[in-house]
Protein backbone atom coordinates (compact mmCIF):
# COMPACT_ATOMS: atom_id res chain seq x y z
CA MET A 1 23.48 -1.73 -26.27
CA ARG A 2 21.92 -4.85 -27.71
CA SER A 3 25.40 -6.10 -28.49
CA VAL A 4 26.23 -5.65 -24.82
CA PHE A 5 23.42 -7.99 -23.89
CA ARG A 6 24.45 -10.54 -26.48
CA SER A 7 27.88 -10.48 -24.88
CA VAL A 8 26.38 -10.87 -21.42
CA ASN A 9 24.32 -13.84 -22.58
CA LEU A 10 27.36 -15.42 -24.19
CA ILE A 11 29.36 -15.04 -21.02
CA TYR A 12 26.54 -16.57 -19.01
CA PHE A 13 26.30 -19.61 -21.20
CA LEU A 14 30.03 -20.09 -21.50
CA SER A 15 30.16 -20.07 -17.72
CA TYR A 16 27.78 -23.01 -17.69
CA PHE A 17 30.53 -25.39 -18.74
CA PHE A 18 32.38 -24.47 -15.58
CA LEU A 19 29.37 -24.43 -13.27
CA PHE A 20 27.04 -27.17 -14.37
CA SER A 21 29.29 -30.08 -13.44
CA SER A 22 29.35 -28.90 -9.85
CA PHE A 23 25.64 -28.09 -9.91
CA GLN A 24 24.84 -31.69 -10.87
CA HIS A 25 26.09 -32.80 -7.49
CA ASN A 26 23.51 -30.58 -5.80
CA VAL A 27 20.37 -31.63 -7.66
CA LEU A 28 18.20 -34.65 -7.09
CA ALA A 29 18.55 -37.02 -10.01
CA THR A 30 15.23 -38.85 -9.90
CA THR A 31 12.87 -40.41 -12.33
CA PRO A 32 10.12 -37.93 -13.18
CA GLY A 33 6.89 -38.99 -11.60
CA GLY A 34 4.61 -37.58 -8.98
CA GLU A 35 7.06 -34.95 -7.82
CA LEU A 36 7.69 -31.34 -8.70
CA ARG A 37 11.31 -30.18 -8.56
CA ILE A 38 11.85 -26.44 -8.08
CA VAL A 39 15.18 -24.63 -8.38
CA SER A 40 15.23 -21.48 -6.28
CA GLN A 41 17.80 -18.78 -5.61
CA HIS A 42 18.17 -19.66 -1.93
CA ALA A 43 16.55 -21.45 0.99
CA PRO A 44 15.02 -19.62 3.98
CA ARG A 45 16.83 -19.53 7.30
CA SER A 46 13.90 -21.25 8.97
CA LEU A 47 10.80 -23.08 7.79
CA GLY A 48 9.09 -22.96 11.14
CA ILE A 49 8.97 -19.19 11.54
CA PRO A 50 7.62 -17.80 8.27
CA TYR A 51 8.18 -14.19 9.29
CA THR A 52 11.94 -14.01 8.99
CA SER A 53 12.08 -12.82 5.38
CA ASN A 54 9.80 -11.68 2.58
CA GLY A 55 12.08 -12.82 -0.19
CA ARG A 56 10.31 -14.60 -3.04
CA PRO A 57 12.36 -17.81 -2.76
CA SER A 58 11.29 -18.14 0.90
CA MET A 59 7.66 -17.74 -0.10
CA TYR A 60 7.93 -20.76 -2.41
CA TYR A 61 8.62 -22.89 0.68
CA TRP A 62 6.18 -21.28 3.08
CA ARG A 63 3.19 -21.26 0.73
CA ALA A 64 3.59 -25.02 0.45
CA ILE A 65 3.39 -25.50 4.23
CA TYR A 66 1.08 -22.76 5.51
CA ASP A 67 -2.17 -21.01 4.65
CA THR A 68 -3.52 -17.52 5.26
CA LEU A 69 -7.04 -16.39 6.12
CA THR A 70 -7.47 -14.76 2.72
CA GLU A 71 -5.41 -14.90 -0.44
CA ILE A 72 -4.87 -13.22 -3.78
CA ASP A 73 -5.95 -15.78 -6.36
CA ILE A 74 -4.49 -16.48 -9.81
CA ASN A 75 -6.78 -13.76 -11.22
CA ASP A 76 -5.29 -11.18 -8.83
CA GLN A 77 -8.52 -11.01 -6.82
CA LEU A 78 -9.01 -11.29 -3.09
CA SER A 79 -10.53 -14.69 -2.32
CA SER A 80 -11.17 -17.03 0.57
CA SER A 81 -8.63 -19.41 2.07
CA LEU A 82 -8.84 -20.43 5.72
CA ALA A 83 -11.60 -17.86 6.04
CA VAL A 84 -14.72 -18.58 3.98
CA SER A 85 -16.28 -15.15 4.43
CA TRP A 86 -15.82 -11.81 6.17
CA ARG A 87 -17.81 -8.67 6.82
CA LEU A 88 -17.41 -5.27 8.39
CA LYS A 89 -19.48 -5.62 11.54
CA SER A 90 -18.86 -2.02 12.64
CA PRO A 91 -16.39 0.70 11.56
CA LEU A 92 -13.81 -0.81 13.92
CA VAL A 93 -14.68 -4.52 13.86
CA TRP A 94 -14.14 -7.08 11.10
CA GLU A 95 -15.74 -10.51 11.47
CA PHE A 96 -14.24 -13.58 9.76
CA LYS A 97 -15.88 -16.98 9.49
CA ILE A 98 -13.23 -19.68 9.26
CA ARG A 99 -13.40 -23.19 7.84
CA ASP A 100 -14.47 -26.05 10.07
CA ASP A 101 -13.03 -28.80 7.85
CA VAL A 102 -9.31 -27.98 8.11
CA PHE A 103 -6.60 -29.96 9.88
CA PHE A 104 -2.92 -29.36 10.47
CA SER A 105 -0.49 -31.86 8.97
CA ASN A 106 -0.12 -33.55 12.39
CA GLY A 107 -3.87 -34.28 12.49
CA ASN A 108 -4.85 -31.53 14.96
CA LYS A 109 -7.95 -29.55 14.04
CA PHE A 110 -7.62 -25.96 12.94
CA ASN A 111 -9.79 -23.46 14.82
CA SER A 112 -9.91 -19.89 16.05
CA ASP A 113 -7.27 -20.53 18.75
CA SER A 114 -4.52 -20.76 16.14
CA VAL A 115 -5.64 -17.56 14.43
CA ILE A 116 -5.70 -15.65 17.72
CA ALA A 117 -2.31 -17.02 18.84
CA THR A 118 -0.66 -16.10 15.53
CA PHE A 119 -1.89 -12.52 15.55
CA ASN A 120 -1.26 -12.02 19.26
CA TRP A 121 2.37 -13.03 18.76
CA LEU A 122 2.77 -10.55 15.91
CA ILE A 123 1.02 -7.76 17.82
CA ASP A 124 2.38 -8.32 21.34
CA THR A 125 5.99 -9.39 20.90
CA LEU A 126 8.92 -7.25 19.89
CA GLU A 127 10.06 -10.02 17.57
CA GLY A 128 6.68 -10.06 15.85
CA GLN A 129 6.44 -6.27 15.56
CA SER A 130 9.90 -6.08 13.99
CA THR A 131 9.00 -8.40 11.12
CA LEU A 132 7.80 -7.10 7.79
CA TRP A 133 4.48 -8.72 8.66
CA GLY A 134 4.28 -6.48 11.68
CA ARG A 135 3.00 -3.63 9.52
CA GLU A 136 0.05 -5.77 8.39
CA VAL A 137 -1.22 -5.97 11.96
CA ARG A 138 -0.34 -2.48 13.18
CA THR A 139 -3.96 -1.30 12.99
CA ILE A 140 -5.25 -4.26 15.05
CA GLU A 141 -6.04 -3.58 18.70
CA ARG A 142 -7.54 -6.93 19.68
CA VAL A 143 -8.26 -10.37 18.20
CA TYR A 144 -10.94 -12.55 19.82
CA SER A 145 -13.35 -15.34 18.98
CA ASP A 146 -17.05 -15.96 19.05
CA GLY A 147 -16.87 -19.74 19.04
CA ASP A 148 -14.48 -22.07 17.17
CA ASN A 149 -15.25 -20.69 13.74
CA ILE A 150 -15.74 -16.93 14.21
CA VAL A 151 -12.77 -14.59 14.66
CA LEU A 152 -13.16 -10.85 15.22
CA PHE A 153 -10.56 -8.15 14.67
CA LYS A 154 -11.04 -4.87 16.51
CA THR A 155 -8.94 -2.14 14.89
CA LYS A 156 -7.54 1.08 16.33
CA ARG A 157 -8.95 3.04 13.41
CA PRO A 158 -11.13 2.13 10.44
CA ASP A 159 -9.08 -0.18 8.22
CA PRO A 160 -10.82 -0.71 4.87
CA ILE A 161 -8.19 -3.14 3.57
CA LEU A 162 -7.72 -5.44 6.56
CA PRO A 163 -9.00 -8.50 4.62
CA LYS A 164 -6.35 -7.73 1.99
CA ARG A 165 -3.64 -7.33 4.61
CA LEU A 166 -4.40 -10.74 6.10
CA SER A 167 -3.59 -12.43 2.79
CA GLY A 168 0.06 -12.08 3.77
CA VAL A 169 -0.07 -13.50 7.31
CA PHE A 170 0.61 -17.24 7.67
CA ILE A 171 -1.36 -19.07 10.37
CA LEU A 172 0.62 -21.32 12.72
CA PRO A 173 -0.80 -23.78 15.27
CA ALA A 174 -1.44 -22.20 18.65
CA ASN A 175 1.13 -24.35 20.49
CA ALA A 176 3.90 -23.34 18.05
CA PHE A 177 4.43 -20.14 20.01
CA ASN A 178 5.23 -22.06 23.20
CA ASP A 179 8.65 -22.93 21.74
CA LEU A 180 9.37 -21.31 18.39
CA ASN A 181 12.95 -22.61 18.32
CA LYS A 182 11.69 -26.18 18.50
CA PHE A 183 8.96 -25.44 15.96
CA SER A 184 11.58 -24.16 13.52
CA PHE A 185 12.84 -27.70 13.03
CA SER A 186 9.40 -29.35 13.02
CA PRO A 187 7.07 -26.99 11.14
CA ILE A 188 3.37 -27.81 11.02
CA GLY A 189 0.82 -26.08 8.82
CA THR A 190 -2.49 -26.55 7.03
CA GLY A 191 -0.97 -26.27 3.54
CA PRO A 192 -0.78 -29.01 0.93
CA PHE A 193 2.67 -30.27 2.04
CA PHE A 194 4.62 -31.20 5.14
CA VAL A 195 8.40 -31.19 5.51
CA GLU A 196 10.28 -34.49 5.29
CA ALA A 197 13.84 -33.19 5.11
CA TRP A 198 15.03 -29.62 5.40
CA ARG A 199 18.32 -28.61 3.83
CA ASP A 200 19.97 -32.00 3.69
CA ARG A 201 23.70 -32.35 3.09
CA ARG A 202 23.13 -31.23 -0.51
CA GLY A 203 21.04 -28.24 0.60
CA ARG A 204 17.78 -29.71 -0.70
CA THR A 205 14.42 -29.61 1.05
CA SER A 206 11.89 -32.41 0.50
CA MET A 207 8.17 -32.17 1.19
CA SER A 208 5.38 -34.73 0.82
CA SER A 209 1.73 -34.03 0.15
CA SER A 210 -0.39 -33.98 3.26
CA ASN A 211 -3.42 -36.26 3.31
CA LYS A 212 -4.81 -33.91 5.95
CA SER A 213 -4.83 -30.87 3.66
CA TRP A 214 -8.13 -29.30 2.67
CA ARG A 215 -6.63 -28.42 -0.73
CA PRO A 216 -4.26 -31.24 -1.78
CA ALA A 217 -1.81 -30.75 -4.63
CA GLY A 218 -1.89 -32.67 -7.90
CA PHE A 219 1.41 -34.43 -7.16
CA ASN A 220 2.95 -36.34 -4.28
CA LYS A 221 6.29 -34.73 -3.61
CA LEU A 222 7.90 -31.29 -3.73
CA ILE A 223 11.67 -30.93 -3.98
CA PHE A 224 13.45 -27.58 -3.55
CA ILE A 225 16.97 -27.29 -4.98
CA PRO A 226 18.73 -24.01 -4.11
CA SER A 227 21.11 -22.53 -6.67
CA ALA A 228 22.15 -18.89 -6.72
CA ASN A 229 23.45 -19.04 -10.29
CA ASP A 230 20.91 -18.01 -12.96
CA VAL A 231 22.43 -20.12 -15.72
CA SER A 232 22.73 -23.23 -13.59
CA ARG A 233 19.03 -23.13 -12.79
CA VAL A 234 18.11 -22.92 -16.48
CA GLN A 235 20.45 -25.74 -17.35
CA ALA A 236 18.85 -27.87 -14.64
CA LEU A 237 15.55 -27.49 -16.51
CA LEU A 238 17.09 -28.32 -19.86
CA SER A 239 18.74 -31.45 -18.49
CA ASN A 240 15.57 -32.64 -16.71
CA GLN A 241 17.20 -32.25 -13.31
CA ALA A 242 14.42 -29.85 -12.32
CA ASP A 243 10.97 -28.84 -13.53
CA LEU A 244 10.44 -25.19 -12.59
CA ASP A 245 12.45 -22.02 -11.98
CA PRO A 246 9.98 -19.37 -10.71
CA ASN A 247 12.35 -16.47 -11.40
CA VAL A 248 14.66 -16.61 -14.40
CA ALA A 249 16.99 -13.77 -15.33
CA ILE A 250 15.29 -11.60 -17.92
CA GLU A 251 18.56 -11.35 -19.86
CA LEU A 252 18.34 -15.10 -20.53
CA LEU A 253 14.80 -15.06 -21.94
CA PRO A 254 15.73 -15.21 -25.66
CA ASP A 255 17.98 -18.22 -25.06
CA ILE A 256 15.38 -19.91 -22.84
CA ILE A 257 12.67 -19.59 -25.46
CA ASN A 258 15.00 -20.83 -28.20
CA GLN A 259 15.77 -23.90 -26.11
CA GLY A 260 12.06 -24.83 -26.03
CA LEU A 261 11.28 -24.19 -22.37
CA GLU A 262 7.85 -22.93 -21.36
CA VAL A 263 7.85 -19.30 -20.17
CA THR A 264 5.23 -17.78 -17.85
CA LYS A 265 4.95 -14.01 -17.42
CA ILE A 266 4.31 -12.98 -13.81
CA ARG A 267 3.19 -9.51 -12.80
CA MET A 268 4.78 -8.56 -9.52
CA GLY A 269 2.46 -5.82 -8.38
CA ALA A 270 5.42 -3.45 -8.18
CA VAL A 271 7.02 -0.58 -10.11
CA GLN A 272 10.78 -0.26 -10.49
CA SER A 273 12.23 3.16 -9.84
CA PHE A 274 15.07 5.31 -8.64
CA MET A 275 13.85 7.11 -5.53
CA PHE A 276 14.90 10.63 -4.57
CA ARG A 277 16.06 11.13 -0.99
CA THR A 278 14.99 14.55 0.25
CA VAL A 279 14.64 14.01 4.02
CA GLY A 280 17.99 14.62 5.71
CA ASN A 281 19.29 15.84 2.36
CA GLU A 282 17.87 19.34 2.35
CA ASN A 283 20.83 20.98 0.62
CA SER A 284 20.69 18.67 -2.37
CA PRO A 285 19.30 19.91 -5.69
CA VAL A 286 16.79 17.02 -5.59
CA ASN A 287 14.86 18.93 -2.93
CA ASN A 288 13.71 21.21 -5.76
CA VAL A 289 10.66 19.73 -7.50
CA LYS A 290 11.71 21.26 -10.83
CA VAL A 291 15.01 19.37 -10.66
CA ARG A 292 13.17 16.11 -10.01
CA GLN A 293 10.80 16.80 -12.90
CA ALA A 294 13.71 17.71 -15.16
CA ILE A 295 15.43 14.42 -14.40
CA ASN A 296 12.26 12.54 -15.32
CA TYR A 297 12.03 14.40 -18.66
CA ALA A 298 15.70 13.61 -19.39
CA VAL A 299 15.43 9.82 -19.09
CA ARG A 300 14.87 7.83 -22.32
CA LYS A 301 12.66 4.95 -21.26
CA ASP A 302 12.63 3.56 -24.79
CA LEU A 303 16.34 2.83 -24.53
CA LEU A 304 15.89 1.43 -21.05
CA SER A 305 13.20 -0.87 -22.41
CA GLU A 306 15.68 -2.26 -24.93
CA LEU A 307 17.89 -3.38 -22.06
CA ILE A 308 15.19 -5.79 -20.93
CA SER A 309 14.16 -6.91 -24.43
CA ASN A 310 11.13 -4.57 -24.35
CA GLN A 311 9.54 -6.69 -21.63
CA GLY A 312 8.76 -3.84 -19.25
CA GLU A 313 5.68 -1.63 -19.33
CA PRO A 314 6.62 2.04 -18.70
CA SER A 315 4.98 3.64 -15.69
CA GLY A 316 4.37 7.17 -14.43
CA GLN A 317 3.08 6.27 -10.96
CA SER A 318 3.69 3.98 -8.03
CA ALA A 319 0.83 1.57 -8.78
CA PRO A 320 0.94 -1.01 -11.60
CA SER A 321 -1.95 -0.98 -14.04
CA PHE A 322 -3.79 -3.96 -12.49
CA VAL A 323 -3.58 -2.78 -8.88
CA TYR A 324 -6.50 -1.14 -7.04
CA GLY A 325 -5.99 2.63 -7.04
CA TYR A 326 -4.15 2.83 -10.35
CA ASN A 327 -4.93 6.06 -12.21
CA PRO A 328 -5.15 5.51 -16.00
CA ASP A 329 -4.91 9.27 -16.60
CA VAL A 330 -1.45 9.54 -15.03
CA LEU A 331 1.11 8.93 -17.78
CA PRO A 332 4.91 8.54 -17.73
CA TYR A 333 7.02 11.63 -18.30
CA PRO A 334 7.86 11.84 -22.03
CA TYR A 335 11.45 12.14 -23.19
CA ASP A 336 12.00 15.88 -23.62
CA PRO A 337 15.59 17.07 -22.98
CA ASP A 338 14.72 20.64 -23.93
CA LYS A 339 11.99 20.70 -21.28
CA ALA A 340 14.48 19.23 -18.82
CA LYS A 341 17.02 21.99 -19.53
CA GLN A 342 14.31 24.64 -19.18
CA LEU A 343 13.23 23.32 -15.78
CA LEU A 344 16.82 23.12 -14.57
CA GLU A 345 17.41 26.73 -15.57
CA GLU A 346 14.22 27.77 -13.76
CA ALA A 347 15.50 25.93 -10.70
CA GLY A 348 18.76 27.87 -10.85
CA TYR A 349 20.88 25.22 -12.54
CA PRO A 350 21.62 26.28 -16.12
CA ILE A 351 23.40 23.85 -18.43
CA ASN A 352 26.81 25.42 -17.78
CA ASN A 353 26.37 24.99 -13.99
CA GLN A 354 26.56 21.23 -13.86
CA ILE A 355 24.83 19.34 -11.03
CA THR A 356 26.53 16.34 -9.43
CA LEU A 357 24.31 13.76 -7.76
CA THR A 358 24.96 10.36 -6.20
CA LEU A 359 22.99 7.18 -6.93
CA THR A 360 23.12 4.01 -4.81
CA VAL A 361 22.32 0.87 -6.77
CA SER A 362 22.23 -2.71 -5.57
CA THR A 363 24.68 -4.93 -7.43
CA SER A 364 22.34 -7.89 -6.86
CA GLU A 365 19.87 -6.22 -9.23
CA LEU A 366 21.58 -6.62 -12.62
CA THR A 367 18.75 -4.94 -14.49
CA MET A 368 18.77 -1.89 -12.21
CA SER A 369 22.56 -1.65 -12.50
CA LEU A 370 22.22 -1.54 -16.29
CA PHE A 371 19.43 1.04 -16.00
CA ALA A 372 21.66 3.17 -13.78
CA GLN A 373 24.47 3.14 -16.34
CA ARG A 374 22.06 4.17 -19.08
CA ILE A 375 20.59 6.97 -16.97
CA VAL A 376 24.07 8.33 -16.30
CA GLN A 377 24.38 8.89 -20.05
CA ASP A 378 20.92 10.45 -20.38
CA LEU A 379 21.43 12.93 -17.56
CA ALA A 380 24.89 13.94 -18.76
CA GLU A 381 23.23 15.32 -21.88
CA VAL A 382 21.31 17.87 -19.78
CA GLY A 383 24.23 18.82 -17.55
CA ILE A 384 23.68 16.44 -14.64
CA ASN A 385 26.60 14.30 -13.51
CA ILE A 386 25.71 11.07 -11.70
CA LYS A 387 28.18 9.27 -9.46
CA LEU A 388 27.19 5.62 -9.05
CA ILE A 389 27.61 3.97 -5.65
CA PRO A 390 27.36 0.20 -6.12
CA THR A 391 26.43 -1.77 -3.02
CA SER A 392 25.67 -5.39 -2.23
CA GLY A 393 22.10 -6.56 -1.85
CA ILE A 394 22.60 -7.10 1.89
CA GLN A 395 24.04 -3.61 2.36
CA TRP A 396 21.20 -2.10 0.34
CA LEU A 397 18.60 -3.88 2.50
CA GLN A 398 20.27 -2.69 5.69
CA MET A 399 20.29 0.89 4.45
CA TYR A 400 16.65 0.63 3.41
CA ASN A 401 15.47 -0.88 6.70
CA ASN A 402 17.40 1.67 8.74
CA SER A 403 16.87 4.62 6.36
CA THR A 404 20.62 5.25 6.20
CA PHE A 405 21.08 6.00 2.51
CA LYS A 406 23.51 8.90 2.03
CA SER A 407 23.03 9.29 -1.72
CA ASP A 408 20.60 11.55 -3.59
CA LEU A 409 18.91 8.60 -5.30
CA PHE A 410 18.65 4.85 -4.75
CA ASN A 411 16.96 1.98 -6.56
CA LEU A 412 13.58 1.02 -5.12
CA SER A 413 10.70 -1.23 -6.12
CA TRP A 414 7.34 0.33 -5.19
CA ASN A 415 5.65 -2.86 -4.06
CA SER A 416 1.87 -3.29 -3.89
CA SER A 417 2.20 -6.90 -2.75
CA PRO A 418 1.05 -8.97 -1.02
CA PHE A 419 -2.46 -7.61 -1.39
CA LEU A 420 -2.38 -5.50 -4.58
CA ASP A 421 -3.59 -2.21 -3.16
CA SER A 422 -1.88 1.05 -4.08
CA SER A 423 -1.96 2.21 -0.46
CA ARG A 424 1.15 0.08 0.13
CA PRO A 425 3.51 1.96 -2.25
CA LEU A 426 2.05 5.26 -1.06
CA GLU A 427 3.76 4.55 2.25
CA TYR A 428 7.10 5.31 0.57
CA THR A 429 6.05 8.93 0.14
CA SER A 430 4.34 9.16 3.52
CA CYS A 431 5.65 11.45 6.22
CA LEU A 432 4.31 8.83 8.65
CA ARG A 433 6.95 6.29 7.63
CA TYR A 434 9.61 5.57 10.21
CA LYS A 435 12.53 7.74 9.08
CA PRO A 436 10.97 8.69 5.71
CA PHE A 437 13.03 9.16 2.55
CA PHE A 438 10.62 11.63 1.01
CA CYS A 439 8.04 13.71 2.85
CA ASP A 440 5.63 16.05 1.10
CA LYS A 441 2.90 17.22 3.45
CA ALA A 442 0.70 18.21 0.51
CA ILE A 443 0.15 14.54 -0.31
CA MET A 444 -0.60 13.48 3.29
CA PRO A 445 -4.37 14.27 3.42
CA LEU A 446 -4.89 11.94 0.46
CA ILE A 447 -2.74 9.16 1.94
CA GLU A 448 -4.29 9.41 5.41
CA GLY A 449 -7.78 9.60 3.95
CA ALA A 450 -7.26 6.44 1.89
CA GLN A 451 -6.06 4.60 5.01
CA THR A 452 -9.39 5.03 6.80
CA GLU A 453 -12.08 5.64 4.15
CA LEU A 454 -14.60 2.78 4.18
CA ASP A 455 -16.60 3.96 1.17
CA ASP A 456 -15.05 2.19 -1.80
CA ARG A 457 -15.83 4.89 -4.36
CA LYS A 458 -14.45 7.69 -2.17
CA ARG A 459 -11.38 5.65 -1.33
CA LEU A 460 -10.62 4.95 -4.99
CA ASN A 461 -10.84 8.67 -5.72
CA LEU A 462 -8.38 9.43 -2.90
CA LEU A 463 -5.89 6.87 -4.18
CA GLN A 464 -6.11 8.05 -7.78
CA SER A 465 -5.78 11.68 -6.70
CA ALA A 466 -2.69 10.72 -4.72
CA GLN A 467 -1.15 9.11 -7.82
CA GLU A 468 -1.78 12.31 -9.79
CA MET A 469 -0.08 14.44 -7.15
CA ILE A 470 2.83 12.01 -6.81
CA ASN A 471 3.44 12.17 -10.55
CA GLU A 472 3.49 15.97 -10.32
CA ARG A 473 5.74 16.05 -7.22
CA ALA A 474 8.08 13.44 -8.78
CA PRO A 475 9.47 11.63 -5.72
CA ALA A 476 11.10 9.07 -8.02
CA ILE A 477 12.07 8.24 -11.57
CA PHE A 478 9.32 5.73 -12.25
CA LEU A 479 10.50 3.21 -14.82
CA PHE A 480 8.53 0.03 -15.46
CA GLU A 481 5.97 -2.24 -13.95
CA TYR A 482 8.02 -5.00 -12.39
CA ILE A 483 7.68 -8.26 -14.31
CA ILE A 484 9.41 -11.57 -13.69
CA TYR A 485 9.37 -14.77 -15.71
CA ALA A 486 9.15 -18.39 -14.71
CA ALA A 487 10.54 -21.16 -16.88
CA SER A 488 9.46 -24.80 -16.85
CA ASN A 489 10.00 -27.95 -18.82
CA LYS A 490 7.37 -29.89 -20.74
CA ARG A 491 6.15 -31.73 -17.63
CA ILE A 492 4.15 -28.62 -16.67
CA LYS A 493 1.77 -26.68 -18.88
CA ASN A 494 0.52 -23.17 -18.11
CA VAL A 495 1.96 -22.96 -14.61
CA PRO A 496 -0.57 -21.15 -12.35
CA PHE A 497 0.81 -18.56 -9.93
CA ARG A 498 -0.71 -16.71 -7.01
CA LEU A 499 1.19 -13.49 -7.39
CA THR A 500 4.79 -14.74 -7.53
CA VAL A 501 4.26 -18.14 -5.89
CA PRO A 502 3.30 -21.34 -7.73
CA ALA A 503 -0.26 -22.43 -6.94
CA TYR A 504 0.67 -25.94 -5.80
CA ASP A 505 -2.92 -27.13 -5.50
CA LEU A 506 -3.58 -26.21 -9.15
CA ILE A 507 -0.40 -27.53 -10.79
CA LYS A 508 -0.80 -30.70 -12.82
CA LEU A 509 2.17 -32.81 -13.92
CA HIS A 510 2.26 -34.75 -17.16
């Protein structure tokens, strides 16, 4: 299998000779100075409405322009941003004190009006509710102020993690919502940069540092250069056409390190898996818990780890090890094919009565595609035949959003972002989810309790108990904690990241 990866790498780098010449026409050839040049996989559809996508490349743009009330800092802790402090005023009311020294890039003062307008749009409009950010505000009943610098959130039920939720909601100026189409082409935020040119004829976006920002960056200009090709982005770093690629292909890591680029490991706050679909699939063998457990025992995670150069940390639960609610006593299923065969026989599927299952895998996720091929081999050894159903990334997303998967399994990242709380991935196993994939009512008291419990100790116990039960009920083949890598040239040392986004105000250029 290692030889397969060497071949893949060779193909990638041979393809460079065909791709790089064209890529050079799309990068900004400038003299290194007070600018940071980032190569990203794509550009967002709009810079003025930062609720249209949650893709990482879009976040690179939006975090440069906008701020949130709270944020997850570079130490993975909840910290202040536009809000300097917050407190639980009553079981249903959170009070936030916001900064009084913040200005938008156009010179207008930031105050509570912009906070209220942003959340009202998300809560009250169909467009706002349909965004992925809509779920961060679903517990909010009313947002109101007590002066220019105090904002209160009244919730429909106790919401112990509201301050965490708000770390993912960008604050726009109040008048932006008068004409969002116009605002899309003239975005204004409180972040360290403002937009000079968006997607010029070469597809580049240029931003300049804002002298109005309350947290200015350590450089003057930010250039985004979109390139979907993994190899082209790396070669742009090597040729000094760019400074930073926040998400390099893990298969290219050995070559990147050998070429002398700086590599930064970034923990995503997510766990990669193959999820079982039991709802609407009641006649499938995967509805039997012993079958799901057997499949977990049959998968060799050590061989899977080799596919990603042993960069992944095996997991047996939905929460990564650094996320609140992680249970250190819940371990991954060990490789035990005999145990797998025993469980299958107990479930009524002896080795000579082969099971056939279908697995949907996104072709945009190379790593998961390779995992799927390896799992096919593992499961064949215990009498389970897997039929792979490759699908494009766009098709996969549509099926996920609409809950229209027809297969028995599909690839899924159990994401604790943006606020690093294990309650987020628990939603995947919640019967409360719109058109759930997996519904086990036995887990629901723990999930519902964690959603409303204000006592931190009791809430932690609920979350950890839920992880224990989820491991036992096996709603997925949990694989590895999701890790990505950033690569940079020598102009940047020890690139700081807030989750998966560069911390622009902390980056220093040589």
